[in-house]
Amino acid sequence: MSSAAPFPPRIALVVAVLAVSTSAVFIRFADAAPLVVAFYRCVIATAVLGAIGWRECRAELPNLSGRERWLAVGTGLALALHFATWISSLSYTTVASSLVLVNTTPLWVAMLAPFVSHDRVRPGTWIGVGVSVVGCVLIGVADLGPDGSFDLSGSALWGDLLALAGAWLCAVYMLAGRRLRRSLSLLPYVTACYGSAAAFLLVFALGSGDTLLGLPTATYGWLIVVALVPQVLGHSSYNYALKYESAPLVSVVSLGESVGATLLAWAFLSETPPPLALAGGVVVIAGVLVALRAERS
């Protein structure tokens, strides 16, 4: 499948993992409201990629069918909600816990695939889902308050739930993107997708009362970095690979982000994940690998 690609999609996936692994640390450095980070991440990426690919965008986007246009808008909405929930989770829980939970996306891709691509989910895939759920429970227990109680108003457990919601939305984003990439080149697709996401995020940010202007200069600098590295380079590399590789394969490779991000968080943020959270992460990854092996067999 990958032989017809102008650039090896497996290498693109490696680039994507390395680039997106920096996302959580850069977001912490930006020190801005989650919706503000998400908006600037998408709007800057749209401007950069739209300027690079304006000829292709002008040639392909007007020719989309009505259904494809709605699918592009829906993909942008899923991406916007994914960023809103996941970036918000970083305010409540550790980078390690957030990344491991948001990277359960391959499981949800497998669960949604029968409805989107009509693929049969094998029994081994459901075993992987069950194993991964156990891992999620371990991470949640590791993030309980010191008194062992659940504080859903602002505890790390709430951040875990937001990260899990981000995983579900990312699954929708990947599956919809897989369908659109069959008829759209990379630059028109990412411009339409990121542009739609930016429009939704602008509404979300303004509705929540977040300030988009007057931020510190350093914050704007980090927002540009977030847009260029994890988004333009990272997400666009994933979207490139989606034309040539299956959505489950692309989503499971993204698990490498949790390893890279955890190492970066340890190096730059002094975040050492609790042992139980590490154990839960191993269980989650094991479940995803079981599901992937069953799906690919």
C-alpha atoms as a PDB file:
ATOM      1  CA  MET A   1       0.000   0.000   0.000  1.00  0.00           C
ATOM      2  CA  SER A   2       2.802   2.388   0.861  1.00  0.00           C
ATOM      3  CA  SER A   3       4.780   1.716  -2.362  1.00  0.00           C
ATOM      4  CA  ALA A   4       2.709   4.209  -4.374  1.00  0.00           C
ATOM      5  CA  ALA A   5       3.417   7.045  -1.951  1.00  0.00           C
ATOM      6  CA  PRO A   6       5.787   9.830  -3.084  1.00  0.00           C
ATOM      7  CA  PHE A   7       7.321   9.779   0.412  1.00  0.00           C
ATOM      8  CA  PRO A   8       7.447   6.645   2.607  1.00  0.00           C
ATOM      9  CA  PRO A   9       4.417   6.870   4.937  1.00  0.00           C
ATOM     10  CA  ARG A  10       6.158   4.829   7.647  1.00  0.00           C
ATOM     11  CA  ILE A  11       8.895   7.488   7.829  1.00  0.00           C
ATOM     12  CA  ALA A  12       6.183  10.152   7.921  1.00  0.00           C
ATOM     13  CA  LEU A  13       4.689   8.371  10.929  1.00  0.00           C
ATOM     14  CA  VAL A  14       8.045   8.461  12.728  1.00  0.00           C
ATOM     15  CA  VAL A  15       8.305  12.196  12.030  1.00  0.00           C
ATOM     16  CA  ALA A  16       4.752  12.651  13.290  1.00  0.00           C
ATOM     17  CA  VAL A  17       5.442  10.853  16.568  1.00  0.00           C
ATOM     18  CA  LEU A  18       8.596  12.865  17.224  1.00  0.00           C
ATOM     19  CA  ALA A  19       6.891  16.168  16.425  1.00  0.00           C
ATOM     20  CA  VAL A  20       3.671  15.578  18.356  1.00  0.00           C
ATOM     21  CA  SER A  21       5.606  14.314  21.391  1.00  0.00           C
ATOM     22  CA  THR A  22       6.656  17.922  22.016  1.00  0.00           C
ATOM     23  CA  SER A  23       3.069  19.161  22.182  1.00  0.00           C
ATOM     24  CA  ALA A  24       2.353  18.834  25.906  1.00  0.00           C
ATOM     25  CA  VAL A  25       5.620  20.468  26.993  1.00  0.00           C
ATOM     26  CA  PHE A  26       5.252  23.364  24.555  1.00  0.00           C
ATOM     27  CA  ILE A  27       1.668  23.902  25.712  1.00  0.00           C
ATOM     28  CA  ARG A  28       2.827  24.104  29.320  1.00  0.00           C
ATOM     29  CA  PHE A  29       5.487  26.652  28.286  1.00  0.00           C
ATOM     30  CA  ALA A  30       2.870  28.751  26.457  1.00  0.00           C
ATOM     31  CA  ASP A  31       0.956  29.157  29.726  1.00  0.00           C
ATOM     32  CA  ALA A  32      -2.336  30.191  28.105  1.00  0.00           C
ATOM     33  CA  ALA A  33      -5.955  29.104  28.418  1.00  0.00           C
ATOM     34  CA  PRO A  34      -6.599  25.726  26.726  1.00  0.00           C
ATOM     35  CA  LEU A  35      -9.015  27.094  24.122  1.00  0.00           C
ATOM     36  CA  VAL A  36      -6.649  29.955  23.321  1.00  0.00           C
ATOM     37  CA  VAL A  37      -3.806  27.491  22.703  1.00  0.00           C
ATOM     38  CA  ALA A  38      -6.014  25.288  20.551  1.00  0.00           C
ATOM     39  CA  PHE A  39      -7.317  28.233  18.493  1.00  0.00           C
ATOM     40  CA  TYR A  40      -3.905  29.698  17.723  1.00  0.00           C
ATOM     41  CA  ARG A  41      -2.529  26.229  17.039  1.00  0.00           C
ATOM     42  CA  CYS A  42      -5.109  25.642  14.323  1.00  0.00           C
ATOM     43  CA  VAL A  43      -5.402  29.146  12.867  1.00  0.00           C
ATOM     44  CA  ILE A  44      -1.620  29.574  12.467  1.00  0.00           C
ATOM     45  CA  ALA A  45      -1.325  26.109  10.930  1.00  0.00           C
ATOM     46  CA  THR A  46      -4.174  26.914   8.527  1.00  0.00           C
ATOM     47  CA  ALA A  47      -2.510  30.152   7.449  1.00  0.00           C
ATOM     48  CA  VAL A  48       0.875  28.482   6.877  1.00  0.00           C
ATOM     49  CA  LEU A  49      -0.417  25.421   5.032  1.00  0.00           C
ATOM     50  CA  GLY A  50      -3.020  27.395   3.082  1.00  0.00           C
ATOM     51  CA  ALA A  51      -0.323  29.763   1.837  1.00  0.00           C
ATOM     52  CA  ILE A  52       1.900  26.864   0.796  1.00  0.00           C
ATOM     53  CA  GLY A  53      -0.871  24.921  -0.941  1.00  0.00           C
ATOM     54  CA  TRP A  54      -3.178  27.672  -2.194  1.00  0.00           C
ATOM     55  CA  ARG A  55      -3.039  26.429  -5.787  1.00  0.00           C
ATOM     56  CA  GLU A  56      -4.121  22.929  -4.825  1.00  0.00           C
ATOM     57  CA  CYS A  57      -6.772  24.295  -2.461  1.00  0.00           C
ATOM     58  CA  ARG A  58      -8.235  26.473  -5.213  1.00  0.00           C
ATOM     59  CA  ALA A  59      -8.298  23.513  -7.612  1.00  0.00           C
ATOM     60  CA  GLU A  60      -9.737  20.842  -5.297  1.00  0.00           C
ATOM     61  CA  LEU A  61     -11.858  22.375  -2.547  1.00  0.00           C
ATOM     62  CA  PRO A  62     -14.529  23.946  -4.813  1.00  0.00           C
ATOM     63  CA  ASN A  63     -15.078  20.530  -6.422  1.00  0.00           C
ATOM     64  CA  LEU A  64     -16.021  18.762  -3.198  1.00  0.00           C
ATOM     65  CA  SER A  65     -19.501  17.278  -3.066  1.00  0.00           C
ATOM     66  CA  GLY A  66     -21.947  18.509  -0.471  1.00  0.00           C
ATOM     67  CA  ARG A  67     -21.414  15.385   1.583  1.00  0.00           C
ATOM     68  CA  GLU A  68     -17.625  15.783   1.474  1.00  0.00           C
ATOM     69  CA  ARG A  69     -17.904  19.404   2.591  1.00  0.00           C
ATOM     70  CA  TRP A  70     -20.019  18.425   5.583  1.00  0.00           C
ATOM     71  CA  LEU A  71     -17.543  15.647   6.356  1.00  0.00           C
ATOM     72  CA  ALA A  72     -14.680  18.160   6.258  1.00  0.00           C
ATOM     73  CA  VAL A  73     -16.545  20.457   8.652  1.00  0.00           C
ATOM     74  CA  GLY A  74     -17.340  17.503  10.922  1.00  0.00           C
ATOM     75  CA  THR A  75     -13.689  16.460  10.916  1.00  0.00           C
ATOM     76  CA  GLY A  76     -12.720  19.987  11.926  1.00  0.00           C
ATOM     77  CA  LEU A  77     -15.286  19.943  14.736  1.00  0.00           C
ATOM     78  CA  ALA A  78     -13.939  16.621  16.038  1.00  0.00           C
ATOM     79  CA  LEU A  79     -10.398  18.035  15.974  1.00  0.00           C
ATOM     80  CA  ALA A  80     -11.521  21.215  17.758  1.00  0.00           C
ATOM     81  CA  LEU A  81     -13.249  19.252  20.512  1.00  0.00           C
ATOM     82  CA  HIS A  82     -10.278  16.894  20.756  1.00  0.00           C
ATOM     83  CA  PHE A  83      -7.938  19.811  21.404  1.00  0.00           C
ATOM     84  CA  ALA A  84     -10.381  21.495  23.787  1.00  0.00           C
ATOM     85  CA  THR A  85     -10.717  18.396  25.965  1.00  0.00           C
ATOM     86  CA  TRP A  86      -7.144  17.132  25.797  1.00  0.00           C
ATOM     87  CA  ILE A  87      -5.397  20.479  26.321  1.00  0.00           C
ATOM     88  CA  SER A  88      -7.769  21.165  29.220  1.00  0.00           C
ATOM     89  CA  SER A  89      -6.774  17.827  30.762  1.00  0.00           C
ATOM     90  CA  LEU A  90      -3.177  19.067  31.098  1.00  0.00           C
ATOM     91  CA  SER A  91      -4.394  21.604  33.667  1.00  0.00           C
ATOM     92  CA  TYR A  92      -5.606  18.831  35.978  1.00  0.00           C
ATOM     93  CA  THR A  93      -3.429  15.752  35.519  1.00  0.00           C
ATOM     94  CA  THR A  94       0.160  14.866  34.668  1.00  0.00           C
ATOM     95  CA  VAL A  95       1.506  14.823  31.121  1.00  0.00           C
ATOM     96  CA  ALA A  96       2.135  11.071  31.421  1.00  0.00           C
ATOM     97  CA  SER A  97      -1.422  10.202  32.489  1.00  0.00           C
ATOM     98  CA  SER A  98      -2.961  12.560  29.930  1.00  0.00           C
ATOM     99  CA  LEU A  99      -0.892  11.221  27.040  1.00  0.00           C
ATOM    100  CA  VAL A 100      -1.454   7.569  27.885  1.00  0.00           C
ATOM    101  CA  LEU A 101      -5.238   8.049  28.082  1.00  0.00           C
ATOM    102  CA  VAL A 102      -5.559  10.204  24.984  1.00  0.00           C
ATOM    103  CA  ASN A 103      -3.483   7.594  23.164  1.00  0.00           C
ATOM    104  CA  THR A 104      -6.118   4.908  23.692  1.00  0.00           C
ATOM    105  CA  THR A 105      -7.431   6.227  20.367  1.00  0.00           C
ATOM    106  CA  PRO A 106      -6.631   2.969  18.492  1.00  0.00           C
ATOM    107  CA  LEU A 107      -9.147   1.113  20.637  1.00  0.00           C
ATOM    108  CA  TRP A 108     -11.917   3.548  19.820  1.00  0.00           C
ATOM    109  CA  VAL A 109     -10.931   3.480  16.143  1.00  0.00           C
ATOM    110  CA  ALA A 110     -11.417  -0.300  16.214  1.00  0.00           C
ATOM    111  CA  MET A 111     -14.788   0.088  17.914  1.00  0.00           C
ATOM    112  CA  LEU A 112     -16.011   2.701  15.406  1.00  0.00           C
ATOM    113  CA  ALA A 113     -14.545   1.036  12.302  1.00  0.00           C
ATOM    114  CA  PRO A 114     -17.544  -1.299  11.714  1.00  0.00           C
ATOM    115  CA  PHE A 115     -19.830   1.721  11.486  1.00  0.00           C
ATOM    116  CA  VAL A 116     -17.509   3.787   9.304  1.00  0.00           C
ATOM    117  CA  SER A 117     -15.649   1.259   7.140  1.00  0.00           C
ATOM    118  CA  HIS A 118     -17.853  -1.828   7.750  1.00  0.00           C
ATOM    119  CA  ASP A 119     -14.861  -3.880   8.921  1.00  0.00           C
ATOM    120  CA  ARG A 120     -15.536  -6.799  11.269  1.00  0.00           C
ATOM    121  CA  VAL A 121     -13.928  -6.377  14.682  1.00  0.00           C
ATOM    122  CA  ARG A 122     -12.262  -9.632  15.716  1.00  0.00           C
ATOM    123  CA  PRO A 123     -12.629 -11.158  19.204  1.00  0.00           C
ATOM    124  CA  GLY A 124      -8.994 -10.397  19.940  1.00  0.00           C
ATOM    125  CA  THR A 125      -9.712  -6.715  19.406  1.00  0.00           C
ATOM    126  CA  TRP A 126     -12.381  -6.768  22.103  1.00  0.00           C
ATOM    127  CA  ILE A 127      -9.917  -8.494  24.449  1.00  0.00           C
ATOM    128  CA  GLY A 128      -7.534  -5.620  23.825  1.00  0.00           C
ATOM    129  CA  VAL A 129     -10.305  -3.148  24.639  1.00  0.00           C
ATOM    130  CA  GLY A 130     -10.951  -4.878  27.968  1.00  0.00           C
ATOM    131  CA  VAL A 131      -7.262  -4.938  28.894  1.00  0.00           C
ATOM    132  CA  SER A 132      -6.927  -1.270  28.057  1.00  0.00           C
ATOM    133  CA  VAL A 133      -9.923  -0.335  30.193  1.00  0.00           C
ATOM    134  CA  VAL A 134      -8.192  -2.005  33.152  1.00  0.00           C
ATOM    135  CA  GLY A 135      -5.149   0.159  32.472  1.00  0.00           C
ATOM    136  CA  CYS A 136      -7.318   3.284  32.419  1.00  0.00           C
ATOM    137  CA  VAL A 137      -8.743   2.315  35.813  1.00  0.00           C
ATOM    138  CA  LEU A 138      -5.211   1.931  37.230  1.00  0.00           C
ATOM    139  CA  ILE A 139      -4.285   5.397  35.995  1.00  0.00           C
ATOM    140  CA  GLY A 140      -7.443   6.838  37.524  1.00  0.00           C
ATOM    141  CA  VAL A 141      -6.686   5.207  40.890  1.00  0.00           C
ATOM    142  CA  ALA A 142      -3.110   6.554  40.767  1.00  0.00           C
ATOM    143  CA  ASP A 143      -4.515  10.067  40.336  1.00  0.00           C
ATOM    144  CA  LEU A 144      -6.891   9.934  43.311  1.00  0.00           C
ATOM    145  CA  GLY A 145      -6.531  12.561  46.001  1.00  0.00           C
ATOM    146  CA  PRO A 146      -4.319  11.903  49.031  1.00  0.00           C
ATOM    147  CA  ASP A 147      -7.362  10.876  51.089  1.00  0.00           C
ATOM    148  CA  GLY A 148      -8.397   8.318  48.475  1.00  0.00           C
ATOM    149  CA  SER A 149     -11.554  10.182  47.474  1.00  0.00           C
ATOM    150  CA  PHE A 150     -12.802  11.128  44.025  1.00  0.00           C
ATOM    151  CA  ASP A 151     -12.841  14.904  43.567  1.00  0.00           C
ATOM    152  CA  LEU A 152     -14.454  15.425  40.169  1.00  0.00           C
ATOM    153  CA  SER A 153     -14.519  19.209  40.578  1.00  0.00           C
ATOM    154  CA  GLY A 154     -10.820  19.692  39.969  1.00  0.00           C
ATOM    155  CA  SER A 155      -8.795  16.588  40.758  1.00  0.00           C
ATOM    156  CA  ALA A 156      -6.444  14.748  38.470  1.00  0.00           C
ATOM    157  CA  LEU A 157      -9.214  12.248  37.863  1.00  0.00           C
ATOM    158  CA  TRP A 158     -11.190  14.958  36.056  1.00  0.00           C
ATOM    159  CA  GLY A 159      -8.148  15.553  33.855  1.00  0.00           C
ATOM    160  CA  ASP A 160      -8.043  11.825  33.095  1.00  0.00           C
ATOM    161  CA  LEU A 161     -11.681  11.910  31.983  1.00  0.00           C
ATOM    162  CA  LEU A 162     -11.016  14.905  29.736  1.00  0.00           C
ATOM    163  CA  ALA A 163      -8.060  13.102  28.178  1.00  0.00           C
ATOM    164  CA  LEU A 164     -10.216  10.038  27.557  1.00  0.00           C
ATOM    165  CA  ALA A 165     -12.837  12.199  25.837  1.00  0.00           C
ATOM    166  CA  GLY A 166     -10.021  13.574  23.716  1.00  0.00           C
ATOM    167  CA  ALA A 167      -9.200  10.012  22.642  1.00  0.00           C
ATOM    168  CA  TRP A 168     -12.775   9.375  21.501  1.00  0.00           C
ATOM    169  CA  LEU A 169     -12.827  12.596  19.483  1.00  0.00           C
ATOM    170  CA  CYS A 170      -9.436  11.852  17.954  1.00  0.00           C
ATOM    171  CA  ALA A 171     -10.803   8.502  16.762  1.00  0.00           C
ATOM    172  CA  VAL A 172     -13.616  10.309  14.938  1.00  0.00           C
ATOM    173  CA  TYR A 173     -11.072  12.751  13.483  1.00  0.00           C
ATOM    174  CA  MET A 174      -8.855   9.945  12.160  1.00  0.00           C
ATOM    175  CA  LEU A 175     -11.650   7.828  10.698  1.00  0.00           C
ATOM    176  CA  ALA A 176     -13.261  10.791   8.961  1.00  0.00           C
ATOM    177  CA  GLY A 177      -9.877  11.945   7.734  1.00  0.00           C
ATOM    178  CA  ARG A 178      -9.152   8.506   6.319  1.00  0.00           C
ATOM    179  CA  ARG A 179     -12.268   8.788   4.144  1.00  0.00           C
ATOM    180  CA  LEU A 180     -11.597  12.357   2.991  1.00  0.00           C
ATOM    181  CA  ARG A 181      -7.948  11.724   2.138  1.00  0.00           C
ATOM    182  CA  ARG A 182      -9.068   9.292  -0.555  1.00  0.00           C
ATOM    183  CA  SER A 183     -10.402  12.219  -2.597  1.00  0.00           C
ATOM    184  CA  LEU A 184      -8.314  15.164  -1.367  1.00  0.00           C
ATOM    185  CA  SER A 185      -4.616  15.935  -1.575  1.00  0.00           C
ATOM    186  CA  LEU A 186      -2.805  16.589   1.687  1.00  0.00           C
ATOM    187  CA  LEU A 187      -2.669  20.389   1.669  1.00  0.00           C
ATOM    188  CA  PRO A 188      -6.318  20.985   0.704  1.00  0.00           C
ATOM    189  CA  TYR A 189      -7.435  18.451   3.287  1.00  0.00           C
ATOM    190  CA  VAL A 190      -5.409  19.830   6.200  1.00  0.00           C
ATOM    191  CA  THR A 191      -6.287  23.414   5.260  1.00  0.00           C
ATOM    192  CA  ALA A 192     -10.005  22.595   5.282  1.00  0.00           C
ATOM    193  CA  CYS A 193      -9.771  20.514   8.441  1.00  0.00           C
ATOM    194  CA  TYR A 194      -7.581  22.857  10.491  1.00  0.00           C
ATOM    195  CA  GLY A 195      -9.499  25.878   9.197  1.00  0.00           C
ATOM    196  CA  SER A 196     -12.840  24.407  10.287  1.00  0.00           C
ATOM    197  CA  ALA A 197     -11.337  23.523  13.670  1.00  0.00           C
ATOM    198  CA  ALA A 198     -10.024  27.072  14.096  1.00  0.00           C
ATOM    199  CA  ALA A 199     -13.479  28.521  13.376  1.00  0.00           C
ATOM    200  CA  PHE A 200     -15.116  26.295  15.995  1.00  0.00           C
ATOM    201  CA  LEU A 201     -12.371  27.013  18.520  1.00  0.00           C
ATOM    202  CA  LEU A 202     -12.795  30.755  18.011  1.00  0.00           C
ATOM    203  CA  VAL A 203     -16.465  30.420  18.933  1.00  0.00           C
ATOM    204  CA  PHE A 204     -15.608  28.226  21.937  1.00  0.00           C
ATOM    205  CA  ALA A 205     -12.936  30.646  23.186  1.00  0.00           C
ATOM    206  CA  LEU A 206     -15.088  33.744  22.818  1.00  0.00           C
ATOM    207  CA  GLY A 207     -18.028  31.961  24.420  1.00  0.00           C
ATOM    208  CA  SER A 208     -15.927  31.026  27.433  1.00  0.00           C
ATOM    209  CA  GLY A 209     -14.662  34.575  27.869  1.00  0.00           C
ATOM    210  CA  ASP A 210     -11.034  33.763  27.098  1.00  0.00           C
ATOM    211  CA  THR A 211      -8.795  36.630  25.977  1.00  0.00           C
ATOM    212  CA  LEU A 212      -7.159  36.124  22.592  1.00  0.00           C
ATOM    213  CA  LEU A 213      -5.291  39.447  22.448  1.00  0.00           C
ATOM    214  CA  GLY A 214      -2.875  41.174  24.775  1.00  0.00           C
ATOM    215  CA  LEU A 215      -1.046  38.010  25.803  1.00  0.00           C
ATOM    216  CA  PRO A 216       2.650  38.114  26.774  1.00  0.00           C
ATOM    217  CA  THR A 217       5.122  38.110  23.907  1.00  0.00           C
ATOM    218  CA  ALA A 218       6.656  34.864  25.130  1.00  0.00           C
ATOM    219  CA  THR A 219       3.225  33.211  25.048  1.00  0.00           C
ATOM    220  CA  TYR A 220       2.710  34.160  21.418  1.00  0.00           C
ATOM    221  CA  GLY A 221       6.160  32.788  20.640  1.00  0.00           C
ATOM    222  CA  TRP A 222       5.339  29.410  22.184  1.00  0.00           C
ATOM    223  CA  LEU A 223       1.947  29.371  20.437  1.00  0.00           C
ATOM    224  CA  ILE A 224       3.734  29.723  17.108  1.00  0.00           C
ATOM    225  CA  VAL A 225       6.019  26.834  18.067  1.00  0.00           C
ATOM    226  CA  VAL A 226       3.000  24.709  19.035  1.00  0.00           C
ATOM    227  CA  ALA A 227       1.419  25.450  15.662  1.00  0.00           C
ATOM    228  CA  LEU A 228       4.517  24.751  13.579  1.00  0.00           C
ATOM    229  CA  VAL A 229       5.933  21.641  15.251  1.00  0.00           C
ATOM    230  CA  PRO A 230       3.130  19.437  16.672  1.00  0.00           C
ATOM    231  CA  GLN A 231       0.464  20.693  14.236  1.00  0.00           C
ATOM    232  CA  VAL A 232       1.998  21.608  10.864  1.00  0.00           C
ATOM    233  CA  LEU A 233       4.735  18.965  11.035  1.00  0.00           C
ATOM    234  CA  GLY A 234       3.186  16.377  13.362  1.00  0.00           C
ATOM    235  CA  HIS A 235      -0.527  16.206  12.586  1.00  0.00           C
ATOM    236  CA  SER A 236       0.035  16.839   8.895  1.00  0.00           C
ATOM    237  CA  SER A 237       2.433  13.885   8.771  1.00  0.00           C
ATOM    238  CA  TYR A 238      -0.266  11.693  10.319  1.00  0.00           C
ATOM    239  CA  ASN A 239      -2.757  12.979   7.753  1.00  0.00           C
ATOM    240  CA  TYR A 240      -0.283  12.281   4.967  1.00  0.00           C
ATOM    241  CA  ALA A 241       0.044   8.670   6.122  1.00  0.00           C
ATOM    242  CA  LEU A 242      -3.746   8.230   6.334  1.00  0.00           C
ATOM    243  CA  LYS A 243      -3.939   8.124   2.531  1.00  0.00           C
ATOM    244  CA  TYR A 244      -1.644   5.112   2.367  1.00  0.00           C
ATOM    245  CA  GLU A 245      -2.052   3.302   5.701  1.00  0.00           C
ATOM    246  CA  SER A 246      -5.136   2.219   7.634  1.00  0.00           C
ATOM    247  CA  ALA A 247      -6.560   4.394  10.384  1.00  0.00           C
ATOM    248  CA  PRO A 248      -5.948   1.687  13.053  1.00  0.00           C
ATOM    249  CA  LEU A 249      -2.275   1.452  12.057  1.00  0.00           C
ATOM    250  CA  VAL A 250      -1.797   5.222  12.094  1.00  0.00           C
ATOM    251  CA  SER A 251      -3.571   5.560  15.416  1.00  0.00           C
ATOM    252  CA  VAL A 252      -1.586   2.799  17.109  1.00  0.00           C
ATOM    253  CA  VAL A 253       1.734   4.261  15.961  1.00  0.00           C
ATOM    254  CA  SER A 254       0.688   7.476  17.698  1.00  0.00           C
ATOM    255  CA  LEU A 255       1.151   5.637  21.006  1.00  0.00           C
ATOM    256  CA  GLY A 256       4.826   6.497  20.694  1.00  0.00           C
ATOM    257  CA  GLU A 257       3.826  10.041  21.657  1.00  0.00           C
ATOM    258  CA  SER A 258       3.205   8.974  25.246  1.00  0.00           C
ATOM    259  CA  VAL A 259       6.763   7.688  25.578  1.00  0.00           C
ATOM    260  CA  GLY A 260       8.355  10.761  24.018  1.00  0.00           C
ATOM    261  CA  ALA A 261       6.151  13.213  25.886  1.00  0.00           C
ATOM    262  CA  THR A 262       6.738  11.502  29.225  1.00  0.00           C
ATOM    263  CA  LEU A 263      10.508  11.691  28.726  1.00  0.00           C
ATOM    264  CA  LEU A 264      10.288  15.365  27.768  1.00  0.00           C
ATOM    265  CA  ALA A 265       8.033  16.119  30.745  1.00  0.00           C
ATOM    266  CA  TRP A 266      10.532  14.403  33.054  1.00  0.00           C
ATOM    267  CA  ALA A 267      13.426  16.367  31.521  1.00  0.00           C
ATOM    268  CA  PHE A 268      11.840  19.820  31.285  1.00  0.00           C
ATOM    269  CA  LEU A 269       8.914  19.827  33.726  1.00  0.00           C
ATOM    270  CA  SER A 270      10.313  17.560  36.474  1.00  0.00           C
ATOM    271  CA  GLU A 271       7.176  15.397  36.282  1.00  0.00           C
ATOM    272  CA  THR A 272       7.804  11.869  37.519  1.00  0.00           C
ATOM    273  CA  PRO A 273       4.658   9.742  37.025  1.00  0.00           C
ATOM    274  CA  PRO A 274       3.466   7.605  39.983  1.00  0.00           C
ATOM    275  CA  PRO A 275       4.439   3.909  39.750  1.00  0.00           C
ATOM    276  CA  LEU A 276       0.783   2.830  39.519  1.00  0.00           C
ATOM    277  CA  ALA A 277       0.207   5.234  36.640  1.00  0.00           C
ATOM    278  CA  LEU A 278       3.231   3.785  34.872  1.00  0.00           C
ATOM    279  CA  ALA A 279       1.846   0.286  35.400  1.00  0.00           C
ATOM    280  CA  GLY A 280      -1.514   1.419  34.046  1.00  0.00           C
ATOM    281  CA  GLY A 281       0.189   2.893  31.006  1.00  0.00           C
ATOM    282  CA  VAL A 282       1.938  -0.400  30.301  1.00  0.00           C
ATOM    283  CA  VAL A 283      -1.390  -2.226  30.567  1.00  0.00           C
ATOM    284  CA  VAL A 284      -3.082   0.266  28.250  1.00  0.00           C
ATOM    285  CA  ILE A 285      -0.337  -0.110  25.643  1.00  0.00           C
ATOM    286  CA  ALA A 286      -0.451  -3.907  25.961  1.00  0.00           C
ATOM    287  CA  GLY A 287      -4.189  -3.846  25.320  1.00  0.00           C
ATOM    288  CA  VAL A 288      -3.762  -1.653  22.263  1.00  0.00           C
ATOM    289  CA  LEU A 289      -1.083  -3.967  20.866  1.00  0.00           C
ATOM    290  CA  VAL A 290      -3.320  -7.012  21.405  1.00  0.00           C
ATOM    291  CA  ALA A 291      -6.130  -5.243  19.581  1.00  0.00           C
ATOM    292  CA  LEU A 292      -3.863  -4.173  16.736  1.00  0.00           C
ATOM    293  CA  ARG A 293      -2.443  -7.647  16.248  1.00  0.00           C
ATOM    294  CA  ALA A 294      -5.928  -9.157  16.162  1.00  0.00           C
ATOM    295  CA  GLU A 295      -7.185  -6.485  13.735  1.00  0.00           C
ATOM    296  CA  ARG A 296      -4.258  -6.872  11.369  1.00  0.00           C
ATOM    297  CA  SER A 297      -4.391 -10.668  11.381  1.00  0.00           C
END
